[in-house]
Amino acid sequence: MFEHPRDTLITSARIIDPATGYDEVGDLLIKAGKILDFGRNLGQPEGPTIIDASGMVLCPGLVDLRASLGEPGFEYRETIQSSAMAASAGGITTVAVLPDNAPATDDAALVRALASAGDATRRINILPYGAATRGCVGKTIAEYGLLRAAGAIAFTDGTRAIGSAALMRRALSYARGFGAVIVQHPEEPSLAGGAATESARATLMGLPGIPACAEAILIERDLRLVELTGGMVHFAHISTGEALDLIRRAKARGINVTCDTAPPYFDLNETAIGDFRTYAKLSPPLRMEEDRVAVVAGLADGTIDAIVSDHQPRDADDKRLPFAEAAPGASGLATLLAITLAKVHGGELSMMAALALLTTRPGSLFGLDTGRIGKGRPADLCLFAPEHAWLIQSGNLPGKAQNTPFDGRAVEGIVIGTWKAGRRVFG
């Protein structure tokens, strides 16, 4: 299906490499799947396919640190192949995959199988997370040494919090021995049984609420455990200002903590659940406007280390239920870049800062050598038109999963081409 990598000359693009701060209009030459050269006035050697990228931005392929791909176990929602198609359409070339599949990724063979499945798509690198606990059920620590040796980039129970303080302490200590990070879903489990953020809106809608402080409560506990153990923690999809204040202060004290967020938490607030819109039912739930503003501020001041898709595919039967019974989660691969660029167009982030949060910064969190442009490096690239307007529509997104909370949203910024190891896989 795929042709061999073609020698390609992309001309007149605004080339941005956040890893080095490079931001110049110029050309980039791909040869034998790698970046041979880039810069101004490369000339036009004979042979390469020439692409005029005037007015477009060329950056490293996006690095998405948090996605569920459905497979194995939930192929009716999404498959690795359909996820790879959606990722390519979104400019993503590297995807870190959560382990809470069926079976959970708590065995070294499953780690290797997921990485191989990514290679087989020829579109994306799959970086598997290892399960923090066997089966991702929060009872017994998994075999971190074997999982790490097989290629697990970090350890997490995915969408489940590690609720036991004693178990989290052991996980942090054990992972430290392998130089690994524990990735936590920060939500105190005993407070997490609701369907929306506890608020006047939830009360008026008759929905069981989850207090926003459930996020900060678990973060405060885990920060103390990190200090106790010397371990490393990464908090996923941060959604509240209180949580960000805790993380900001912890970083200032030198604690080994990082965090990410996802587009719904800096672009939407609780009003998006509207008339019981189940596509906007997420975990954590959408917050109040002051929290959304605080997340934007956390992106701007560097407290937040990465923007992730938080891709959680759901099919129609998962969502076509009363709001309280519908499965939480949103598809996010194809819309990751466009929603992030809305903060650029709104003046809240520079283009360099936004792309850093999508490329080099997530790539560096777990010591990954990805999300960079450089001579001799694999040509994993994203070319996009930052001013091109389009409408996000459920039913028209690439991939199987159509459960987007941004349905009907007009955005600016569309991917024109994606290259994986020099092979054009989209556009």
Protein backbone atom coordinates (compact mmCIF):
# COMPACT_ATOMS: atom_id res chain seq x y z
CA MET A 1 0.00 0.00 0.00
CA PHE A 2 2.79 2.39 0.93
CA GLU A 3 5.43 3.53 -1.52
CA HIS A 4 9.08 3.69 -0.53
CA PRO A 5 10.29 6.99 0.91
CA ARG A 6 10.78 9.47 -1.91
CA ASP A 7 13.50 12.05 -1.94
CA THR A 8 11.53 15.23 -1.30
CA LEU A 9 12.38 18.92 -1.21
CA ILE A 10 9.93 21.01 0.79
CA THR A 11 10.46 24.65 -0.16
CA SER A 12 9.59 28.04 1.34
CA ALA A 13 8.18 26.61 4.59
CA ARG A 14 8.39 28.28 7.96
CA ILE A 15 10.56 25.63 9.61
CA ILE A 16 10.15 25.49 13.39
CA ASP A 17 12.21 23.21 15.63
CA PRO A 18 11.34 23.95 19.27
CA ALA A 19 14.24 21.80 20.51
CA THR A 20 16.75 24.35 19.20
CA GLY A 21 14.55 27.44 18.86
CA TYR A 22 15.02 27.39 15.09
CA ASP A 23 12.37 29.46 13.29
CA GLU A 24 13.22 30.43 9.72
CA VAL A 25 11.60 30.36 6.30
CA GLY A 26 13.56 27.92 4.19
CA ASP A 27 13.74 24.53 2.56
CA LEU A 28 14.14 20.98 3.87
CA LEU A 29 15.52 18.06 1.88
CA ILE A 30 14.50 14.47 2.66
CA LYS A 31 16.73 11.74 1.25
CA ALA A 32 16.56 8.00 1.99
CA GLY A 33 14.05 8.63 4.77
CA LYS A 34 16.19 11.13 6.66
CA ILE A 35 16.64 14.88 6.80
CA LEU A 36 19.66 15.53 4.62
CA ASP A 37 19.69 19.31 5.08
CA PHE A 38 17.48 22.29 5.87
CA GLY A 39 17.78 26.05 5.82
CA ARG A 40 17.75 28.89 3.33
CA ASN A 41 18.62 28.63 -0.34
CA LEU A 42 19.23 24.90 -0.60
CA GLY A 43 18.74 25.13 -4.34
CA GLN A 44 16.73 22.58 -6.31
CA PRO A 45 18.74 19.40 -6.89
CA GLU A 46 17.55 17.08 -9.64
CA GLY A 47 15.44 14.10 -8.64
CA PRO A 48 13.46 15.01 -5.50
CA THR A 49 9.74 15.62 -5.50
CA ILE A 50 9.31 19.33 -4.87
CA ILE A 51 6.59 20.64 -2.57
CA ASP A 52 5.94 24.38 -2.40
CA ALA A 53 5.05 25.09 1.23
CA SER A 54 4.74 28.87 1.02
CA GLY A 55 2.68 30.17 3.95
CA MET A 56 2.87 26.83 5.77
CA VAL A 57 4.64 25.67 8.92
CA LEU A 58 6.93 22.62 8.92
CA CYS A 59 7.65 21.16 12.35
CA PRO A 60 8.64 17.80 13.86
CA GLY A 61 5.97 15.12 13.77
CA LEU A 62 3.80 15.57 16.86
CA VAL A 63 4.46 13.41 19.92
CA ASP A 64 1.26 12.36 21.73
CA LEU A 65 1.99 11.05 25.22
CA ARG A 66 -1.48 9.76 26.08
CA ALA A 67 -3.85 7.72 23.93
CA SER A 68 -5.92 4.57 24.10
CA LEU A 69 -6.15 2.77 20.77
CA GLY A 70 -8.91 0.26 21.48
CA GLU A 71 -6.83 -2.71 20.38
CA PRO A 72 -6.39 -5.21 21.93
CA GLY A 73 -9.76 -5.95 23.44
CA PHE A 74 -11.93 -3.06 22.25
CA GLU A 75 -11.52 -3.19 18.48
CA TYR A 76 -15.19 -2.27 18.03
CA ARG A 77 -14.23 1.20 19.29
CA GLU A 78 -10.95 1.65 17.45
CA THR A 79 -8.09 -0.39 16.04
CA ILE A 80 -4.38 0.32 15.86
CA GLN A 81 -4.69 0.78 12.10
CA SER A 82 -7.62 3.21 12.32
CA SER A 83 -5.88 5.10 15.13
CA ALA A 84 -2.76 5.37 13.02
CA MET A 85 -4.80 6.89 10.18
CA ALA A 86 -6.32 9.45 12.55
CA ALA A 87 -2.92 10.23 14.04
CA SER A 88 -1.37 10.79 10.61
CA ALA A 89 -4.21 13.13 9.67
CA GLY A 90 -3.45 15.07 12.85
CA GLY A 91 0.28 15.36 12.16
CA ILE A 92 1.18 12.85 14.88
CA THR A 93 4.04 10.43 14.25
CA THR A 94 4.64 9.08 17.77
CA VAL A 95 1.94 7.84 20.16
CA ALA A 96 2.37 6.64 23.75
CA VAL A 97 -0.30 4.02 24.34
CA LEU A 98 -2.03 3.39 27.67
CA PRO A 99 -1.88 -0.15 29.06
CA ASP A 100 -5.49 -0.61 30.22
CA ASN A 101 -6.49 -2.81 27.30
CA ALA A 102 -7.83 -6.37 27.45
CA PRO A 103 -5.45 -7.91 28.30
CA ALA A 104 -3.62 -5.14 30.12
CA THR A 105 -0.04 -4.45 29.09
CA ASP A 106 1.48 -6.12 32.14
CA ASP A 107 3.59 -8.64 30.23
CA ALA A 108 6.81 -7.99 28.30
CA ALA A 109 5.49 -9.83 25.25
CA LEU A 110 2.54 -7.43 25.04
CA VAL A 111 4.87 -4.42 25.20
CA ARG A 112 6.87 -5.79 22.27
CA ALA A 113 3.69 -6.69 20.36
CA LEU A 114 2.31 -3.15 20.63
CA ALA A 115 5.57 -1.60 19.44
CA SER A 116 5.67 -4.04 16.51
CA ALA A 117 2.05 -3.24 15.66
CA GLY A 118 2.99 0.43 15.40
CA ASP A 119 5.84 -0.42 13.05
CA ALA A 120 3.45 -2.51 10.95
CA THR A 121 1.21 0.51 10.31
CA ARG A 122 4.21 2.31 8.79
CA ARG A 123 2.51 5.49 9.98
CA ILE A 124 3.38 5.87 13.67
CA ASN A 125 5.77 4.83 16.38
CA ILE A 126 3.89 3.21 19.24
CA LEU A 127 5.53 3.71 22.63
CA PRO A 128 3.81 1.38 25.10
CA TYR A 129 3.24 2.21 28.73
CA GLY A 130 3.62 -0.70 31.09
CA ALA A 131 0.89 -1.43 33.62
CA ALA A 132 1.72 -0.03 37.05
CA THR A 133 -0.23 -2.89 38.65
CA ARG A 134 -1.12 -6.31 37.32
CA GLY A 135 -4.23 -6.01 35.20
CA CYS A 136 -4.32 -2.26 35.96
CA VAL A 137 -6.62 -3.09 38.87
CA GLY A 138 -4.57 -1.56 41.68
CA LYS A 139 -3.69 -4.61 43.76
CA THR A 140 -0.20 -5.93 42.93
CA ILE A 141 2.80 -4.18 41.43
CA ALA A 142 3.66 -5.37 37.91
CA GLU A 143 7.14 -6.59 36.84
CA TYR A 144 8.71 -3.24 36.05
CA GLY A 145 12.14 -4.63 35.22
CA LEU A 146 10.87 -6.99 32.52
CA LEU A 147 8.46 -4.40 31.13
CA ARG A 148 11.15 -1.73 31.03
CA ALA A 149 13.59 -4.05 29.27
CA ALA A 150 10.90 -4.80 26.66
CA GLY A 151 10.47 -1.10 25.91
CA ALA A 152 7.86 0.30 28.33
CA ILE A 153 8.47 4.05 28.56
CA ALA A 154 6.80 4.52 31.98
CA PHE A 155 4.20 2.87 34.22
CA THR A 156 0.55 3.73 34.75
CA ASP A 157 -2.85 2.20 35.31
CA GLY A 158 -4.23 4.40 32.56
CA THR A 159 -7.63 5.84 33.36
CA ARG A 160 -7.59 4.38 36.87
CA ALA A 161 -5.89 6.16 39.76
CA ILE A 162 -3.51 4.22 41.97
CA GLY A 163 -5.70 4.77 44.99
CA SER A 164 -3.75 3.07 47.77
CA ALA A 165 -1.05 5.29 49.27
CA ALA A 166 0.97 2.23 50.29
CA LEU A 167 0.79 0.81 46.77
CA MET A 168 1.74 4.16 45.22
CA ARG A 169 4.71 4.37 47.58
CA ARG A 170 5.90 0.93 46.45
CA ALA A 171 5.34 1.81 42.79
CA LEU A 172 7.38 5.00 43.06
CA SER A 173 10.20 3.23 44.89
CA TYR A 174 10.26 0.26 42.52
CA ALA A 175 10.14 2.43 39.39
CA ARG A 176 12.95 4.60 40.72
CA GLY A 177 15.28 1.60 40.57
CA PHE A 178 14.76 1.47 36.80
CA GLY A 179 14.91 5.23 36.24
CA ALA A 180 11.22 5.17 35.36
CA VAL A 181 8.25 7.46 35.98
CA ILE A 182 4.85 6.62 37.44
CA VAL A 183 2.04 8.31 35.48
CA GLN A 184 -0.98 8.97 37.66
CA HIS A 185 -4.62 9.68 36.81
CA PRO A 186 -5.06 12.29 39.58
CA GLU A 187 -8.50 11.74 41.04
CA GLU A 188 -9.17 10.53 44.57
CA PRO A 189 -11.11 7.30 43.84
CA SER A 190 -13.48 7.61 46.81
CA LEU A 191 -14.75 10.92 45.37
CA ALA A 192 -14.86 9.89 41.74
CA GLY A 193 -18.26 8.28 41.31
CA GLY A 194 -20.03 11.15 39.57
CA ALA A 195 -20.69 12.23 36.00
CA ALA A 196 -19.79 15.94 36.01
CA THR A 197 -17.92 18.47 38.12
CA GLU A 198 -19.82 19.13 41.31
CA SER A 199 -21.38 22.55 40.76
CA ALA A 200 -24.64 24.44 40.49
CA ARG A 201 -24.88 23.30 36.87
CA ALA A 202 -24.57 19.63 37.79
CA THR A 203 -27.19 20.08 40.49
CA LEU A 204 -29.61 21.78 38.09
CA MET A 205 -29.09 18.98 35.57
CA GLY A 206 -29.61 16.33 38.24
CA LEU A 207 -26.16 14.82 37.66
CA PRO A 208 -24.05 13.20 40.38
CA GLY A 209 -21.03 15.42 40.94
CA ILE A 210 -17.30 14.88 41.38
CA PRO A 211 -15.74 17.63 43.50
CA ALA A 212 -12.95 19.46 41.69
CA CYS A 213 -10.75 19.07 44.76
CA ALA A 214 -10.59 15.30 44.11
CA GLU A 215 -7.76 16.12 41.69
CA ALA A 216 -5.76 18.22 44.15
CA ILE A 217 -6.28 15.77 47.01
CA LEU A 218 -4.54 12.93 45.17
CA ILE A 219 -1.83 15.20 43.82
CA GLU A 220 -1.01 16.51 47.30
CA ARG A 221 -0.73 12.94 48.59
CA ASP A 222 1.45 11.78 45.72
CA LEU A 223 3.79 14.77 45.94
CA ARG A 224 4.49 13.82 49.55
CA LEU A 225 5.12 10.24 48.48
CA VAL A 226 7.57 11.43 45.82
CA GLU A 227 9.45 13.38 48.49
CA LEU A 228 9.44 10.29 50.68
CA THR A 229 10.68 7.87 48.04
CA GLY A 230 12.76 10.03 45.71
CA GLY A 231 10.67 8.68 42.85
CA MET A 232 9.28 10.48 39.81
CA VAL A 233 5.63 11.19 39.07
CA HIS A 234 3.83 12.56 36.03
CA PHE A 235 0.24 13.75 36.47
CA ALA A 236 -2.04 13.27 33.47
CA HIS A 237 -4.73 15.58 32.03
CA ILE A 238 -4.56 18.29 34.71
CA SER A 239 -7.81 20.23 34.74
CA THR A 240 -7.95 22.51 37.80
CA GLY A 241 -6.20 25.63 38.99
CA GLU A 242 -5.75 24.21 42.49
CA ALA A 243 -3.85 21.22 41.10
CA LEU A 244 -1.63 23.47 39.02
CA ASP A 245 -0.78 25.60 42.05
CA LEU A 246 0.37 22.46 43.89
CA ILE A 247 2.49 21.31 40.95
CA ARG A 248 3.94 24.78 40.41
CA ARG A 249 5.07 25.01 44.03
CA ALA A 250 6.42 21.44 43.98
CA LYS A 251 8.53 22.17 40.90
CA ALA A 252 9.92 25.27 42.64
CA ARG A 253 11.01 23.01 45.53
CA GLY A 254 12.80 20.65 43.15
CA ILE A 255 10.37 17.73 43.43
CA ASN A 256 10.48 15.26 40.52
CA VAL A 257 7.06 16.08 39.06
CA THR A 258 5.77 16.79 35.56
CA CYS A 259 2.29 17.03 34.10
CA ASP A 260 0.23 17.31 30.94
CA THR A 261 -3.19 18.48 29.92
CA ALA A 262 -5.51 17.89 26.96
CA PRO A 263 -7.36 20.31 24.65
CA PRO A 264 -10.80 20.00 26.31
CA TYR A 265 -9.39 21.39 29.56
CA PHE A 266 -8.02 24.59 28.04
CA ASP A 267 -10.68 25.08 25.35
CA LEU A 268 -13.97 24.02 26.96
CA ASN A 269 -15.69 24.42 30.30
CA GLU A 270 -18.62 22.69 31.98
CA THR A 271 -21.16 24.53 29.82
CA ALA A 272 -20.13 22.24 26.93
CA ILE A 273 -22.15 19.39 28.43
CA GLY A 274 -25.11 21.55 27.38
CA ASP A 275 -28.26 19.58 26.84
CA PHE A 276 -26.72 16.36 28.23
CA ARG A 277 -24.12 16.12 25.42
CA THR A 278 -22.46 12.81 26.16
CA TYR A 279 -19.61 13.55 23.72
CA ALA A 280 -18.55 16.13 26.33
CA LYS A 281 -18.59 13.63 29.19
CA LEU A 282 -14.93 13.17 30.04
CA SER A 283 -12.68 11.88 32.80
CA PRO A 284 -11.75 14.12 34.53
CA PRO A 285 -14.97 16.03 33.81
CA LEU A 286 -14.99 19.46 32.23
CA ARG A 287 -14.45 22.16 34.82
CA MET A 288 -15.64 25.68 35.54
CA GLU A 289 -14.37 28.64 33.53
CA GLU A 290 -11.86 29.77 36.15
CA ASP A 291 -10.18 26.37 35.95
CA ARG A 292 -10.01 26.53 32.16
CA VAL A 293 -8.33 29.93 32.42
CA ALA A 294 -5.89 28.54 34.98
CA VAL A 295 -4.95 25.69 32.63
CA VAL A 296 -4.20 28.20 29.86
CA ALA A 297 -2.00 30.09 32.32
CA GLY A 298 -0.24 26.83 33.21
CA LEU A 299 0.55 26.27 29.55
CA ALA A 300 1.89 29.79 29.15
CA ASP A 301 4.13 29.80 32.25
CA GLY A 302 5.62 26.35 31.66
CA THR A 303 4.01 24.55 34.60
CA ILE A 304 2.38 22.15 32.14
CA ASP A 305 4.98 20.11 30.29
CA ALA A 306 2.97 18.67 27.40
CA ILE A 307 -0.33 18.76 25.56
CA VAL A 308 -1.72 15.29 24.85
CA SER A 309 -4.70 14.08 22.85
CA ASP A 310 -6.09 11.98 25.73
CA HIS A 311 -7.66 9.94 22.92
CA GLN A 312 -10.37 7.68 24.37
CA PRO A 313 -12.34 6.08 21.53
CA ARG A 314 -15.97 5.29 22.19
CA ASP A 315 -18.58 3.93 19.82
CA ALA A 316 -22.16 5.13 19.49
CA ASP A 317 -23.50 2.58 21.98
CA ASP A 318 -21.02 3.83 24.62
CA LYS A 319 -22.35 7.36 24.27
CA ARG A 320 -25.99 6.90 23.24
CA LEU A 321 -27.09 6.53 26.84
CA PRO A 322 -28.38 8.79 29.63
CA PHE A 323 -25.55 11.14 30.56
CA ALA A 324 -24.84 9.55 33.94
CA GLU A 325 -24.56 6.10 32.33
CA ALA A 326 -22.58 7.02 29.20
CA ALA A 327 -18.89 6.12 29.04
CA PRO A 328 -16.53 9.06 29.56
CA GLY A 329 -13.90 9.87 26.98
CA ALA A 330 -13.29 11.74 23.73
CA SER A 331 -11.47 11.12 20.49
CA GLY A 332 -8.62 13.57 20.13
CA LEU A 333 -5.97 12.51 17.62
CA ALA A 334 -7.23 14.40 14.58
CA THR A 335 -8.07 17.60 16.48
CA LEU A 336 -5.01 17.89 18.75
CA LEU A 337 -3.13 20.41 16.62
CA ALA A 338 -6.08 22.55 15.56
CA ILE A 339 -7.40 23.11 19.09
CA THR A 340 -3.90 23.90 20.35
CA LEU A 341 -3.45 26.44 17.55
CA ALA A 342 -6.58 28.22 18.79
CA LYS A 343 -4.46 29.39 21.74
CA VAL A 344 -1.88 30.70 19.26
CA HIS A 345 -4.48 32.57 17.22
CA GLY A 346 -5.91 33.96 20.46
CA GLY A 347 -2.52 35.32 21.53
CA GLU A 348 -2.26 33.11 24.63
CA LEU A 349 0.67 31.04 23.32
CA SER A 350 3.37 31.72 20.77
CA MET A 351 3.68 29.31 17.86
CA MET A 352 7.05 28.16 19.22
CA ALA A 353 5.64 27.49 22.70
CA ALA A 354 2.60 25.64 21.34
CA LEU A 355 4.68 23.38 19.12
CA ALA A 356 7.15 22.73 21.94
CA LEU A 357 4.26 21.38 24.03
CA LEU A 358 3.38 19.02 21.16
CA THR A 359 6.86 17.88 20.11
CA THR A 360 10.13 18.31 21.98
CA ARG A 361 8.80 18.76 25.52
CA PRO A 362 6.69 15.58 25.58
CA GLY A 363 9.52 13.80 23.77
CA SER A 364 11.98 14.70 26.51
CA LEU A 365 9.81 13.82 29.52
CA PHE A 366 10.64 10.12 29.45
CA GLY A 367 14.01 10.45 27.74
CA LEU A 368 12.65 9.87 24.23
CA ASP A 369 14.75 10.84 21.24
CA THR A 370 11.90 12.21 19.18
CA GLY A 371 10.11 15.46 18.34
CA ARG A 372 13.12 17.20 16.75
CA ILE A 373 14.37 18.39 13.37
CA GLY A 374 18.05 17.82 12.65
CA LYS A 375 20.41 16.77 9.90
CA GLY A 376 20.65 13.00 9.71
CA ARG A 377 17.56 12.44 11.82
CA PRO A 378 14.55 10.41 10.60
CA ALA A 379 12.21 12.60 8.58
CA ASP A 380 9.22 12.52 10.95
CA LEU A 381 7.53 15.76 9.99
CA CYS A 382 4.25 17.66 10.07
CA LEU A 383 3.37 20.34 7.50
CA PHE A 384 0.33 22.48 8.28
CA ALA A 385 -1.44 25.59 7.05
CA PRO A 386 -1.97 27.66 10.21
CA GLU A 387 -4.64 29.95 8.81
CA HIS A 388 -6.71 27.37 6.93
CA ALA A 389 -10.23 27.26 8.38
CA TRP A 390 -12.23 24.06 8.71
CA LEU A 391 -15.15 22.66 10.70
CA ILE A 392 -14.78 19.76 13.12
CA GLN A 393 -17.67 17.39 12.47
CA SER A 394 -18.41 14.10 14.14
CA GLY A 395 -18.86 11.51 11.43
CA ASN A 396 -16.27 13.12 9.16
CA LEU A 397 -13.16 12.58 11.28
CA PRO A 398 -10.47 10.12 10.17
CA GLY A 399 -10.44 6.82 12.05
CA LYS A 400 -13.31 4.90 13.63
CA ALA A 401 -13.81 7.00 16.76
CA GLN A 402 -16.07 10.01 16.20
CA ASN A 403 -16.82 10.96 19.81
CA THR A 404 -15.44 14.49 19.71
CA PRO A 405 -16.54 17.15 22.23
CA PHE A 406 -15.59 19.73 19.59
CA ASP A 407 -18.35 18.70 17.16
CA GLY A 408 -19.42 21.79 15.20
CA ARG A 409 -16.39 23.83 16.23
CA ALA A 410 -14.78 26.06 13.59
CA VAL A 411 -10.98 26.04 13.81
CA GLU A 412 -7.97 27.39 11.95
CA GLY A 413 -4.96 25.22 11.19
CA ILE A 414 -5.05 22.05 9.12
CA VAL A 415 -2.47 19.38 8.44
CA ILE A 416 -1.35 19.33 4.80
CA GLY A 417 1.19 16.54 5.00
CA THR A 418 2.68 14.07 7.47
CA TRP A 419 5.93 12.17 6.87
CA LYS A 420 7.07 9.10 8.81
CA ALA A 421 10.71 8.18 8.23
CA GLY A 422 10.56 10.10 4.95
CA ARG A 423 7.42 8.38 3.69
CA ARG A 424 4.42 10.64 3.16
CA VAL A 425 1.63 8.99 5.15
CA PHE A 426 -0.95 11.76 4.92
CA GLY A 427 -1.77 14.46 2.40
